Amino acid sequence: MKLYVGNLPFSVDEEGLKNLFKDFNAEEVTLIKDKFSGRSKGFGFVTIADDAAAKKAISEMDEKEVDGRNIKVNEAKPFDPDKSPRPKRNFNQRRRF
């Protein structure tokens, strides 16, 4: 099962994320980074093969404090390109009163 881990401190690297989930036998850890600066964007993904261990990780790690921030852990949802995008805002529209 693939887990989303959000609200991570920017100081956490991939090794630190792997250490957070070492008790749950994390197989793969991916930290999302800015392509220009290389700095963490504050979220990542952890893959755990055993579904029971993944559910245990969600229940134990969700809202856990890491370096002063409460991390968010839940099951990752696959990206759906057909999902309607957020509506665009139009800032050039003239207001009528």
C-alpha atoms as a PDB file:
ATOM      1  CA  MET A   1       0.000   0.000   0.000  1.00  0.00           C
ATOM      2  CA  LYS A   2       1.292   3.446  -0.858  1.00  0.00           C
ATOM      3  CA  LEU A   3       0.971   6.101   1.837  1.00  0.00           C
ATOM      4  CA  TYR A   4       0.966   9.876   1.506  1.00  0.00           C
ATOM      5  CA  VAL A   5       2.989  11.666   4.195  1.00  0.00           C
ATOM      6  CA  GLY A   6       2.359  15.401   4.387  1.00  0.00           C
ATOM      7  CA  ASN A   7       3.275  18.442   6.488  1.00  0.00           C
ATOM      8  CA  LEU A   8       6.827  17.181   6.838  1.00  0.00           C
ATOM      9  CA  PRO A   9       9.452  19.569   8.183  1.00  0.00           C
ATOM     10  CA  PHE A  10      11.762  20.810   5.429  1.00  0.00           C
ATOM     11  CA  SER A  11      14.707  19.421   7.408  1.00  0.00           C
ATOM     12  CA  VAL A  12      13.569  15.814   6.802  1.00  0.00           C
ATOM     13  CA  ASP A  13      15.403  14.032   3.973  1.00  0.00           C
ATOM     14  CA  GLU A  14      14.687  10.631   2.384  1.00  0.00           C
ATOM     15  CA  GLU A  15      16.798   8.846   4.994  1.00  0.00           C
ATOM     16  CA  GLY A  16      14.915  10.612   7.787  1.00  0.00           C
ATOM     17  CA  LEU A  17      11.584   9.663   6.246  1.00  0.00           C
ATOM     18  CA  LYS A  18      12.721   6.057   5.955  1.00  0.00           C
ATOM     19  CA  ASN A  19      13.747   6.097   9.635  1.00  0.00           C
ATOM     20  CA  LEU A  20      10.290   7.380  10.632  1.00  0.00           C
ATOM     21  CA  PHE A  21       8.675   4.316   9.029  1.00  0.00           C
ATOM     22  CA  LYS A  22      11.363   1.713   9.811  1.00  0.00           C
ATOM     23  CA  ASP A  23       9.113  -0.053  12.352  1.00  0.00           C
ATOM     24  CA  PHE A  24       6.562  -0.702   9.591  1.00  0.00           C
ATOM     25  CA  ASN A  25       9.011  -2.255   7.064  1.00  0.00           C
ATOM     26  CA  ALA A  26       8.864   0.529   4.499  1.00  0.00           C
ATOM     27  CA  GLU A  27      10.060  -0.816   1.141  1.00  0.00           C
ATOM     28  CA  GLU A  28      10.283   2.427  -0.827  1.00  0.00           C
ATOM     29  CA  VAL A  29      10.463   6.050   0.264  1.00  0.00           C
ATOM     30  CA  THR A  30      10.098   9.048  -2.052  1.00  0.00           C
ATOM     31  CA  LEU A  31      10.467  12.622  -0.867  1.00  0.00           C
ATOM     32  CA  ILE A  32       9.141  15.231  -3.308  1.00  0.00           C
ATOM     33  CA  LYS A  33      11.660  18.010  -3.931  1.00  0.00           C
ATOM     34  CA  ASP A  34      11.661  21.311  -5.780  1.00  0.00           C
ATOM     35  CA  LYS A  35      13.373  20.766  -9.130  1.00  0.00           C
ATOM     36  CA  PHE A  36      15.272  24.047  -9.006  1.00  0.00           C
ATOM     37  CA  SER A  37      16.379  24.377  -5.394  1.00  0.00           C
ATOM     38  CA  GLY A  38      16.419  20.673  -4.477  1.00  0.00           C
ATOM     39  CA  ARG A  39      14.661  21.526  -1.212  1.00  0.00           C
ATOM     40  CA  SER A  40      11.872  19.314   0.105  1.00  0.00           C
ATOM     41  CA  LYS A  41       8.325  20.393  -0.710  1.00  0.00           C
ATOM     42  CA  GLY A  42       7.150  19.027   2.648  1.00  0.00           C
ATOM     43  CA  PHE A  43       5.516  15.809   1.496  1.00  0.00           C
ATOM     44  CA  GLY A  44       6.413  12.369   0.245  1.00  0.00           C
ATOM     45  CA  PHE A  45       5.269   8.803  -0.270  1.00  0.00           C
ATOM     46  CA  VAL A  46       6.056   5.570   1.564  1.00  0.00           C
ATOM     47  CA  THR A  47       5.336   2.114   0.150  1.00  0.00           C
ATOM     48  CA  ILE A  48       4.598  -0.710   2.603  1.00  0.00           C
ATOM     49  CA  ALA A  49       3.925  -4.178   1.172  1.00  0.00           C
ATOM     50  CA  ASP A  50       1.849  -5.521   4.052  1.00  0.00           C
ATOM     51  CA  ASP A  51      -1.593  -3.852   4.160  1.00  0.00           C
ATOM     52  CA  ALA A  52      -1.996  -4.548   7.874  1.00  0.00           C
ATOM     53  CA  ALA A  53       1.331  -2.858   8.628  1.00  0.00           C
ATOM     54  CA  ALA A  54       0.335   0.067   6.393  1.00  0.00           C
ATOM     55  CA  LYS A  55      -2.958   0.554   8.258  1.00  0.00           C
ATOM     56  CA  LYS A  56      -1.065   0.364  11.553  1.00  0.00           C
ATOM     57  CA  ALA A  57       1.373   2.987  10.256  1.00  0.00           C
ATOM     58  CA  ILE A  58      -1.534   5.269   9.340  1.00  0.00           C
ATOM     59  CA  SER A  59      -3.133   4.942  12.772  1.00  0.00           C
ATOM     60  CA  GLU A  60       0.127   5.393  14.709  1.00  0.00           C
ATOM     61  CA  MET A  61       1.872   8.032  12.586  1.00  0.00           C
ATOM     62  CA  ASP A  62      -1.024  10.321  11.620  1.00  0.00           C
ATOM     63  CA  GLU A  63      -0.781  13.602  13.603  1.00  0.00           C
ATOM     64  CA  LYS A  64       2.549  12.506  15.157  1.00  0.00           C
ATOM     65  CA  GLU A  65       4.827  15.431  15.968  1.00  0.00           C
ATOM     66  CA  VAL A  66       8.082  15.518  13.996  1.00  0.00           C
ATOM     67  CA  ASP A  67      10.409  18.481  14.566  1.00  0.00           C
ATOM     68  CA  GLY A  68       7.532  20.606  15.843  1.00  0.00           C
ATOM     69  CA  ARG A  69       5.079  19.751  13.042  1.00  0.00           C
ATOM     70  CA  ASN A  70       2.177  17.275  13.111  1.00  0.00           C
ATOM     71  CA  ILE A  71       2.600  15.060  10.064  1.00  0.00           C
ATOM     72  CA  LYS A  72      -0.393  13.840   8.062  1.00  0.00           C
ATOM     73  CA  VAL A  73      -0.413  10.179   6.972  1.00  0.00           C
ATOM     74  CA  ASN A  74      -3.102   8.532   4.853  1.00  0.00           C
ATOM     75  CA  GLU A  75      -3.500   6.206   1.905  1.00  0.00           C
ATOM     76  CA  ALA A  76      -2.240   7.774  -1.306  1.00  0.00           C
ATOM     77  CA  LYS A  77      -4.809   8.365  -4.011  1.00  0.00           C
ATOM     78  CA  PRO A  78      -3.735   7.836  -7.615  1.00  0.00           C
ATOM     79  CA  PHE A  79      -3.576  10.884  -9.872  1.00  0.00           C
ATOM     80  CA  ASP A  80      -6.633  11.106 -12.103  1.00  0.00           C
ATOM     81  CA  PRO A  81      -5.991  13.194 -15.240  1.00  0.00           C
ATOM     82  CA  ASP A  82      -9.703  13.102 -16.146  1.00  0.00           C
ATOM     83  CA  LYS A  83     -10.720  14.785 -12.900  1.00  0.00           C
ATOM     84  CA  SER A  84     -11.997  18.271 -13.545  1.00  0.00           C
ATOM     85  CA  PRO A  85      -9.401  20.886 -12.674  1.00  0.00           C
ATOM     86  CA  ARG A  86     -10.009  23.693 -10.233  1.00  0.00           C
ATOM     87  CA  PRO A  87     -11.940  26.570 -11.794  1.00  0.00           C
ATOM     88  CA  LYS A  88      -9.752  29.343 -13.157  1.00  0.00           C
ATOM     89  CA  ARG A  89     -10.080  32.754 -11.607  1.00  0.00           C
ATOM     90  CA  ASN A  90     -10.480  35.734 -13.901  1.00  0.00           C
ATOM     91  CA  PHE A  91      -8.779  38.835 -12.528  1.00  0.00           C
ATOM     92  CA  ASN A  92      -9.444  40.969 -15.621  1.00  0.00           C
ATOM     93  CA  GLN A  93     -13.187  40.879 -15.265  1.00  0.00           C
ATOM     94  CA  ARG A  94     -14.767  44.297 -14.739  1.00  0.00           C
ATOM     95  CA  ARG A  95     -17.089  44.560 -11.785  1.00  0.00           C
ATOM     96  CA  ARG A  96     -20.550  45.998 -12.232  1.00  0.00           C
ATOM     97  CA  PHE A  97     -22.282  47.544  -9.308  1.00  0.00           C
END
